[in-house]
Amino acid sequence: MMNFFSSIYSKLTEKPWLAQSEAALEHELIEYQAGYPGKTGLKFFIAVVTVIFFLFSVTYLSRSQYADFQALAGDPWSPLYQPLWLWVNTGCLLLASLCLHFSLGQVSEDKLNRLLGLLILSVIFSLLFIFGQWSVWQQLSLQGFAINSNPANSYFYMLTAIHGLHLLGGLFALARVLVIFSRKVKLDILQRSLVLCAWYWHYLWLLWIFIFALLTASPSTYNTIASWCGL
């Protein structure tokens, strides 16, 4: 009889919501330890890079108000009046970003060949972007737009070079993903690495769009933005 009442009492005093809460907390902790540190680190890195390019943009707009600043676009005789090659490079970087985006849906045992193909395409398009940027540098140099002949030239080489270096760093991370793929590790580890690479490439493409718009703006656009900012 005592055992019967003891069993009833234990049932009545049981707090299932606490057990469920502890289980959910444990699952959340495991998920945090497994995936979130990498995401947090990437978000912090992206925030730092954004601040750096924002400061460069402010100094660029401020420098555009000096008499010796000659914009690379805006007039028909400017080298970037019709920036065809920059558009081509933009398309290459977009394709690299899209390949990584679509690769996220191919992380399964029966789609590994498609996944590998998309990863290789992403590397190829990224390298084409870097080669295209180098080709634009060569064209500007051949036309007499040296790095030290005009402040606008200096900023063009500097901003595109820094962006390119960040893309090269991303390629090293993508190479690590290919190593993980070749070792046939757990698919969840591969998935997490791919997510970080996809985020980073999306960010680099958006950052490039901003840089592209900034470098190919007309002098009147610089003057308008500078007056809004009080420069």
C-alpha atoms as a PDB file:
ATOM      1  CA  MET A   1       0.000   0.000   0.000  1.00  0.00           C
ATOM      2  CA  MET A   2       2.794   2.390   0.903  1.00  0.00           C
ATOM      3  CA  ASN A   3       4.445   1.715  -2.438  1.00  0.00           C
ATOM      4  CA  PHE A   4       1.170   2.452  -4.197  1.00  0.00           C
ATOM      5  CA  PHE A   5       0.766   5.864  -2.518  1.00  0.00           C
ATOM      6  CA  SER A   6       4.451   6.626  -3.033  1.00  0.00           C
ATOM      7  CA  SER A   7       4.067   5.981  -6.738  1.00  0.00           C
ATOM      8  CA  ILE A   8       1.027   8.263  -6.947  1.00  0.00           C
ATOM      9  CA  TYR A   9       2.833  11.006  -5.035  1.00  0.00           C
ATOM     10  CA  SER A  10       5.854  10.813  -7.334  1.00  0.00           C
ATOM     11  CA  LYS A  11       3.585  11.095 -10.360  1.00  0.00           C
ATOM     12  CA  LEU A  12       1.743  14.080  -8.904  1.00  0.00           C
ATOM     13  CA  THR A  13       4.941  15.887  -8.004  1.00  0.00           C
ATOM     14  CA  GLU A  14       6.636  15.133 -11.293  1.00  0.00           C
ATOM     15  CA  LYS A  15       7.605  18.215 -13.381  1.00  0.00           C
ATOM     16  CA  PRO A  16       7.880  17.029 -16.954  1.00  0.00           C
ATOM     17  CA  TRP A  17       8.362  20.536 -18.295  1.00  0.00           C
ATOM     18  CA  LEU A  18      11.629  20.827 -16.384  1.00  0.00           C
ATOM     19  CA  ALA A  19      12.949  17.618 -17.881  1.00  0.00           C
ATOM     20  CA  GLN A  20      11.925  18.781 -21.323  1.00  0.00           C
ATOM     21  CA  SER A  21      13.551  22.125 -20.712  1.00  0.00           C
ATOM     22  CA  GLU A  22      16.804  20.490 -19.611  1.00  0.00           C
ATOM     23  CA  ALA A  23      16.772  18.254 -22.685  1.00  0.00           C
ATOM     24  CA  ALA A  24      16.132  21.224 -24.965  1.00  0.00           C
ATOM     25  CA  LEU A  25      18.889  23.164 -23.234  1.00  0.00           C
ATOM     26  CA  GLU A  26      21.319  20.288 -23.686  1.00  0.00           C
ATOM     27  CA  HIS A  27      20.399  20.012 -27.381  1.00  0.00           C
ATOM     28  CA  GLU A  28      20.856  23.758 -27.831  1.00  0.00           C
ATOM     29  CA  LEU A  29      24.235  23.606 -26.098  1.00  0.00           C
ATOM     30  CA  ILE A  30      25.396  20.780 -28.350  1.00  0.00           C
ATOM     31  CA  GLU A  31      24.203  22.685 -31.434  1.00  0.00           C
ATOM     32  CA  TYR A  32      25.984  25.820 -30.239  1.00  0.00           C
ATOM     33  CA  GLN A  33      29.236  23.976 -29.624  1.00  0.00           C
ATOM     34  CA  ALA A  34      29.050  22.217 -32.982  1.00  0.00           C
ATOM     35  CA  GLY A  35      28.137  25.029 -35.356  1.00  0.00           C
ATOM     36  CA  TYR A  36      27.748  28.468 -33.833  1.00  0.00           C
ATOM     37  CA  PRO A  37      31.378  29.321 -32.974  1.00  0.00           C
ATOM     38  CA  GLY A  38      32.258  29.245 -36.672  1.00  0.00           C
ATOM     39  CA  LYS A  39      29.234  31.355 -37.565  1.00  0.00           C
ATOM     40  CA  THR A  40      30.002  33.826 -34.798  1.00  0.00           C
ATOM     41  CA  GLY A  41      33.607  34.122 -35.943  1.00  0.00           C
ATOM     42  CA  LEU A  42      32.535  34.699 -39.550  1.00  0.00           C
ATOM     43  CA  LYS A  43      29.988  37.333 -38.537  1.00  0.00           C
ATOM     44  CA  PHE A  44      32.625  39.148 -36.479  1.00  0.00           C
ATOM     45  CA  PHE A  45      35.102  39.014 -39.365  1.00  0.00           C
ATOM     46  CA  ILE A  46      32.502  40.318 -41.816  1.00  0.00           C
ATOM     47  CA  ALA A  47      31.666  43.159 -39.418  1.00  0.00           C
ATOM     48  CA  VAL A  48      35.342  44.155 -39.200  1.00  0.00           C
ATOM     49  CA  VAL A  49      35.789  44.044 -42.988  1.00  0.00           C
ATOM     50  CA  THR A  50      32.629  46.121 -43.448  1.00  0.00           C
ATOM     51  CA  VAL A  51      33.928  48.794 -41.085  1.00  0.00           C
ATOM     52  CA  ILE A  52      37.281  48.879 -42.894  1.00  0.00           C
ATOM     53  CA  PHE A  53      35.696  49.330 -46.318  1.00  0.00           C
ATOM     54  CA  PHE A  54      33.286  51.915 -44.915  1.00  0.00           C
ATOM     55  CA  LEU A  55      36.214  53.966 -43.636  1.00  0.00           C
ATOM     56  CA  PHE A  56      37.981  53.624 -46.985  1.00  0.00           C
ATOM     57  CA  SER A  57      34.801  54.830 -48.704  1.00  0.00           C
ATOM     58  CA  VAL A  58      34.576  57.892 -46.467  1.00  0.00           C
ATOM     59  CA  THR A  59      38.181  58.840 -47.184  1.00  0.00           C
ATOM     60  CA  TYR A  60      37.588  58.186 -50.885  1.00  0.00           C
ATOM     61  CA  LEU A  61      34.616  60.559 -50.971  1.00  0.00           C
ATOM     62  CA  SER A  62      36.561  63.133 -48.987  1.00  0.00           C
ATOM     63  CA  ARG A  63      39.516  62.888 -51.377  1.00  0.00           C
ATOM     64  CA  SER A  64      37.191  63.263 -54.363  1.00  0.00           C
ATOM     65  CA  GLN A  65      36.604  66.888 -53.370  1.00  0.00           C
ATOM     66  CA  TYR A  66      40.200  67.898 -54.115  1.00  0.00           C
ATOM     67  CA  ALA A  67      41.172  69.473 -57.426  1.00  0.00           C
ATOM     68  CA  ASP A  68      43.709  66.778 -58.348  1.00  0.00           C
ATOM     69  CA  PHE A  69      41.092  63.992 -58.137  1.00  0.00           C
ATOM     70  CA  GLN A  70      40.063  62.753 -61.579  1.00  0.00           C
ATOM     71  CA  ALA A  71      37.265  60.191 -61.528  1.00  0.00           C
ATOM     72  CA  LEU A  72      37.718  57.076 -63.652  1.00  0.00           C
ATOM     73  CA  ALA A  73      34.123  57.231 -64.915  1.00  0.00           C
ATOM     74  CA  GLY A  74      31.472  59.788 -65.744  1.00  0.00           C
ATOM     75  CA  ASP A  75      32.905  61.232 -68.942  1.00  0.00           C
ATOM     76  CA  PRO A  76      33.166  59.478 -72.352  1.00  0.00           C
ATOM     77  CA  TRP A  77      36.966  59.774 -72.311  1.00  0.00           C
ATOM     78  CA  SER A  78      37.231  58.159 -68.870  1.00  0.00           C
ATOM     79  CA  PRO A  79      38.582  54.559 -68.803  1.00  0.00           C
ATOM     80  CA  LEU A  80      35.605  53.243 -66.819  1.00  0.00           C
ATOM     81  CA  TYR A  81      32.916  55.147 -68.689  1.00  0.00           C
ATOM     82  CA  GLN A  82      31.731  51.792 -70.036  1.00  0.00           C
ATOM     83  CA  PRO A  83      33.156  49.261 -67.577  1.00  0.00           C
ATOM     84  CA  LEU A  84      32.396  46.154 -69.639  1.00  0.00           C
ATOM     85  CA  TRP A  85      35.109  44.002 -68.086  1.00  0.00           C
ATOM     86  CA  LEU A  86      34.031  44.952 -64.588  1.00  0.00           C
ATOM     87  CA  TRP A  87      30.535  43.749 -65.465  1.00  0.00           C
ATOM     88  CA  VAL A  88      31.998  40.474 -66.724  1.00  0.00           C
ATOM     89  CA  ASN A  89      33.946  40.096 -63.484  1.00  0.00           C
ATOM     90  CA  THR A  90      30.793  40.826 -61.513  1.00  0.00           C
ATOM     91  CA  GLY A  91      29.026  38.031 -63.372  1.00  0.00           C
ATOM     92  CA  CYS A  92      31.842  35.589 -62.595  1.00  0.00           C
ATOM     93  CA  LEU A  93      31.700  36.356 -58.886  1.00  0.00           C
ATOM     94  CA  LEU A  94      27.912  36.048 -58.906  1.00  0.00           C
ATOM     95  CA  LEU A  95      28.142  32.627 -60.566  1.00  0.00           C
ATOM     96  CA  ALA A  96      30.694  31.501 -57.971  1.00  0.00           C
ATOM     97  CA  SER A  97      28.346  32.622 -55.201  1.00  0.00           C
ATOM     98  CA  LEU A  98      25.366  30.874 -56.808  1.00  0.00           C
ATOM     99  CA  CYS A  99      27.316  27.629 -57.212  1.00  0.00           C
ATOM    100  CA  LEU A 100      28.048  27.611 -53.492  1.00  0.00           C
ATOM    101  CA  HIS A 101      24.445  28.464 -52.723  1.00  0.00           C
ATOM    102  CA  PHE A 102      23.084  25.578 -54.784  1.00  0.00           C
ATOM    103  CA  SER A 103      25.726  23.213 -53.415  1.00  0.00           C
ATOM    104  CA  LEU A 104      24.052  23.417 -50.012  1.00  0.00           C
ATOM    105  CA  GLY A 105      21.158  21.381 -51.384  1.00  0.00           C
ATOM    106  CA  GLN A 106      23.464  18.642 -52.691  1.00  0.00           C
ATOM    107  CA  VAL A 107      24.913  17.469 -49.381  1.00  0.00           C
ATOM    108  CA  SER A 108      23.641  13.898 -49.410  1.00  0.00           C
ATOM    109  CA  GLU A 109      25.090  10.514 -50.226  1.00  0.00           C
ATOM    110  CA  ASP A 110      23.356  10.278 -53.608  1.00  0.00           C
ATOM    111  CA  LYS A 111      24.300  13.791 -54.791  1.00  0.00           C
ATOM    112  CA  LEU A 112      28.016  13.969 -54.013  1.00  0.00           C
ATOM    113  CA  ASN A 113      29.015  14.116 -57.676  1.00  0.00           C
ATOM    114  CA  ARG A 114      26.827  17.181 -58.219  1.00  0.00           C
ATOM    115  CA  LEU A 115      28.235  18.710 -55.071  1.00  0.00           C
ATOM    116  CA  LEU A 116      31.808  18.230 -56.243  1.00  0.00           C
ATOM    117  CA  GLY A 117      30.963  19.711 -59.638  1.00  0.00           C
ATOM    118  CA  LEU A 118      29.424  22.819 -58.069  1.00  0.00           C
ATOM    119  CA  LEU A 119      32.414  23.297 -55.761  1.00  0.00           C
ATOM    120  CA  ILE A 120      34.844  23.066 -58.677  1.00  0.00           C
ATOM    121  CA  LEU A 121      32.758  25.527 -60.687  1.00  0.00           C
ATOM    122  CA  SER A 122      32.761  27.933 -57.760  1.00  0.00           C
ATOM    123  CA  VAL A 123      36.565  27.776 -57.601  1.00  0.00           C
ATOM    124  CA  ILE A 124      36.844  28.300 -61.378  1.00  0.00           C
ATOM    125  CA  PHE A 125      34.508  31.317 -61.421  1.00  0.00           C
ATOM    126  CA  SER A 126      36.311  32.833 -58.422  1.00  0.00           C
ATOM    127  CA  LEU A 127      39.666  32.471 -60.164  1.00  0.00           C
ATOM    128  CA  LEU A 128      38.175  33.988 -63.327  1.00  0.00           C
ATOM    129  CA  PHE A 129      37.066  36.984 -61.264  1.00  0.00           C
ATOM    130  CA  ILE A 130      40.569  37.463 -59.878  1.00  0.00           C
ATOM    131  CA  PHE A 131      42.096  37.066 -63.346  1.00  0.00           C
ATOM    132  CA  GLY A 132      39.553  39.532 -64.734  1.00  0.00           C
ATOM    133  CA  GLN A 133      40.470  42.100 -62.098  1.00  0.00           C
ATOM    134  CA  TRP A 134      44.130  41.654 -62.951  1.00  0.00           C
ATOM    135  CA  SER A 135      43.290  42.185 -66.625  1.00  0.00           C
ATOM    136  CA  VAL A 136      41.524  45.449 -65.795  1.00  0.00           C
ATOM    137  CA  TRP A 137      44.614  46.564 -63.885  1.00  0.00           C
ATOM    138  CA  GLN A 138      46.749  45.782 -66.937  1.00  0.00           C
ATOM    139  CA  GLN A 139      44.428  47.730 -69.249  1.00  0.00           C
ATOM    140  CA  LEU A 140      44.448  50.780 -66.971  1.00  0.00           C
ATOM    141  CA  SER A 141      48.229  50.650 -66.709  1.00  0.00           C
ATOM    142  CA  LEU A 142      48.640  50.413 -70.484  1.00  0.00           C
ATOM    143  CA  GLN A 143      46.356  53.426 -70.914  1.00  0.00           C
ATOM    144  CA  GLY A 144      48.596  55.468 -68.613  1.00  0.00           C
ATOM    145  CA  PHE A 145      46.483  55.306 -65.464  1.00  0.00           C
ATOM    146  CA  ALA A 146      49.265  54.365 -63.080  1.00  0.00           C
ATOM    147  CA  ILE A 147      48.694  53.820 -59.405  1.00  0.00           C
ATOM    148  CA  ASN A 148      50.395  57.076 -58.366  1.00  0.00           C
ATOM    149  CA  SER A 149      49.241  59.355 -61.193  1.00  0.00           C
ATOM    150  CA  ASN A 150      45.828  60.175 -59.731  1.00  0.00           C
ATOM    151  CA  PRO A 151      44.197  59.639 -56.302  1.00  0.00           C
ATOM    152  CA  ALA A 152      41.248  57.916 -57.997  1.00  0.00           C
ATOM    153  CA  ASN A 153      43.670  55.431 -59.565  1.00  0.00           C
ATOM    154  CA  SER A 154      45.281  54.705 -56.211  1.00  0.00           C
ATOM    155  CA  TYR A 155      41.931  54.007 -54.588  1.00  0.00           C
ATOM    156  CA  PHE A 156      40.857  51.791 -57.482  1.00  0.00           C
ATOM    157  CA  TYR A 157      43.943  49.591 -57.200  1.00  0.00           C
ATOM    158  CA  MET A 158      43.798  49.540 -53.408  1.00  0.00           C
ATOM    159  CA  LEU A 159      40.086  48.710 -53.017  1.00  0.00           C
ATOM    160  CA  THR A 160      40.059  46.057 -55.728  1.00  0.00           C
ATOM    161  CA  ALA A 161      43.300  44.533 -54.386  1.00  0.00           C
ATOM    162  CA  ILE A 162      41.984  44.283 -50.823  1.00  0.00           C
ATOM    163  CA  HIS A 163      38.750  42.764 -52.056  1.00  0.00           C
ATOM    164  CA  GLY A 164      40.718  40.288 -54.181  1.00  0.00           C
ATOM    165  CA  LEU A 165      42.868  39.299 -51.204  1.00  0.00           C
ATOM    166  CA  HIS A 166      39.741  38.550 -49.193  1.00  0.00           C
ATOM    167  CA  LEU A 167      38.521  36.362 -52.034  1.00  0.00           C
ATOM    168  CA  LEU A 168      41.848  34.525 -52.106  1.00  0.00           C
ATOM    169  CA  GLY A 169      41.481  33.912 -48.390  1.00  0.00           C
ATOM    170  CA  GLY A 170      38.038  32.492 -49.058  1.00  0.00           C
ATOM    171  CA  LEU A 171      39.533  30.152 -51.662  1.00  0.00           C
ATOM    172  CA  PHE A 172      41.812  28.704 -48.992  1.00  0.00           C
ATOM    173  CA  ALA A 173      38.724  28.025 -46.861  1.00  0.00           C
ATOM    174  CA  LEU A 174      37.008  26.470 -49.882  1.00  0.00           C
ATOM    175  CA  ALA A 175      40.071  24.292 -50.465  1.00  0.00           C
ATOM    176  CA  ARG A 176      39.646  23.035 -46.909  1.00  0.00           C
ATOM    177  CA  VAL A 177      36.056  22.102 -47.765  1.00  0.00           C
ATOM    178  CA  LEU A 178      37.344  20.094 -50.722  1.00  0.00           C
ATOM    179  CA  VAL A 179      39.773  18.320 -48.391  1.00  0.00           C
ATOM    180  CA  ILE A 180      36.895  17.508 -46.037  1.00  0.00           C
ATOM    181  CA  PHE A 181      34.943  16.217 -49.031  1.00  0.00           C
ATOM    182  CA  SER A 182      37.813  13.991 -50.165  1.00  0.00           C
ATOM    183  CA  ARG A 183      38.183  12.458 -46.704  1.00  0.00           C
ATOM    184  CA  LYS A 184      34.505  11.486 -46.709  1.00  0.00           C
ATOM    185  CA  VAL A 185      33.821  12.798 -43.221  1.00  0.00           C
ATOM    186  CA  LYS A 186      30.351  13.237 -41.754  1.00  0.00           C
ATOM    187  CA  LEU A 187      27.980  15.150 -43.982  1.00  0.00           C
ATOM    188  CA  ASP A 188      26.905  17.500 -41.179  1.00  0.00           C
ATOM    189  CA  ILE A 189      30.493  18.742 -40.832  1.00  0.00           C
ATOM    190  CA  LEU A 190      30.667  19.290 -44.586  1.00  0.00           C
ATOM    191  CA  GLN A 191      27.315  21.088 -44.488  1.00  0.00           C
ATOM    192  CA  ARG A 192      28.455  23.520 -41.793  1.00  0.00           C
ATOM    193  CA  SER A 193      31.659  24.353 -43.688  1.00  0.00           C
ATOM    194  CA  LEU A 194      29.702  24.901 -46.898  1.00  0.00           C
ATOM    195  CA  VAL A 195      27.252  27.234 -45.166  1.00  0.00           C
ATOM    196  CA  LEU A 196      30.100  29.427 -43.942  1.00  0.00           C
ATOM    197  CA  CYS A 197      31.692  29.530 -47.406  1.00  0.00           C
ATOM    198  CA  ALA A 198      28.358  30.364 -49.048  1.00  0.00           C
ATOM    199  CA  TRP A 199      27.722  33.204 -46.606  1.00  0.00           C
ATOM    200  CA  TYR A 200      31.204  34.571 -47.209  1.00  0.00           C
ATOM    201  CA  TRP A 201      30.865  34.481 -50.999  1.00  0.00           C
ATOM    202  CA  HIS A 202      27.461  36.167 -50.841  1.00  0.00           C
ATOM    203  CA  TYR A 203      29.013  38.888 -48.705  1.00  0.00           C
ATOM    204  CA  LEU A 204      31.982  39.325 -51.058  1.00  0.00           C
ATOM    205  CA  TRP A 205      29.631  39.684 -54.005  1.00  0.00           C
ATOM    206  CA  LEU A 206      27.530  42.338 -52.234  1.00  0.00           C
ATOM    207  CA  LEU A 207      30.709  44.108 -51.137  1.00  0.00           C
ATOM    208  CA  TRP A 208      31.968  44.075 -54.708  1.00  0.00           C
ATOM    209  CA  ILE A 209      28.698  45.600 -55.956  1.00  0.00           C
ATOM    210  CA  PHE A 210      29.223  48.447 -53.496  1.00  0.00           C
ATOM    211  CA  ILE A 211      32.860  48.929 -54.578  1.00  0.00           C
ATOM    212  CA  PHE A 212      31.862  48.732 -58.250  1.00  0.00           C
ATOM    213  CA  ALA A 213      29.213  51.414 -57.796  1.00  0.00           C
ATOM    214  CA  LEU A 214      31.615  53.608 -55.839  1.00  0.00           C
ATOM    215  CA  LEU A 215      34.508  53.401 -58.307  1.00  0.00           C
ATOM    216  CA  THR A 216      32.397  53.932 -61.428  1.00  0.00           C
ATOM    217  CA  ALA A 217      30.335  56.861 -60.137  1.00  0.00           C
ATOM    218  CA  SER A 218      30.452  60.230 -61.857  1.00  0.00           C
ATOM    219  CA  PRO A 219      32.072  63.335 -60.325  1.00  0.00           C
ATOM    220  CA  SER A 220      28.638  64.885 -59.808  1.00  0.00           C
ATOM    221  CA  THR A 221      27.614  61.809 -57.803  1.00  0.00           C
ATOM    222  CA  TYR A 222      30.699  62.164 -55.604  1.00  0.00           C
ATOM    223  CA  ASN A 223      29.933  65.838 -55.039  1.00  0.00           C
ATOM    224  CA  THR A 224      26.322  65.098 -54.115  1.00  0.00           C
ATOM    225  CA  ILE A 225      27.185  62.322 -51.657  1.00  0.00           C
ATOM    226  CA  ALA A 226      30.009  64.373 -50.156  1.00  0.00           C
ATOM    227  CA  SER A 227      27.660  67.319 -49.568  1.00  0.00           C
ATOM    228  CA  TRP A 228      25.136  65.015 -47.896  1.00  0.00           C
ATOM    229  CA  CYS A 229      27.875  63.720 -45.606  1.00  0.00           C
ATOM    230  CA  GLY A 230      29.175  67.213 -44.912  1.00  0.00           C
ATOM    231  CA  LEU A 231      32.573  66.521 -46.476  1.00  0.00           C
END
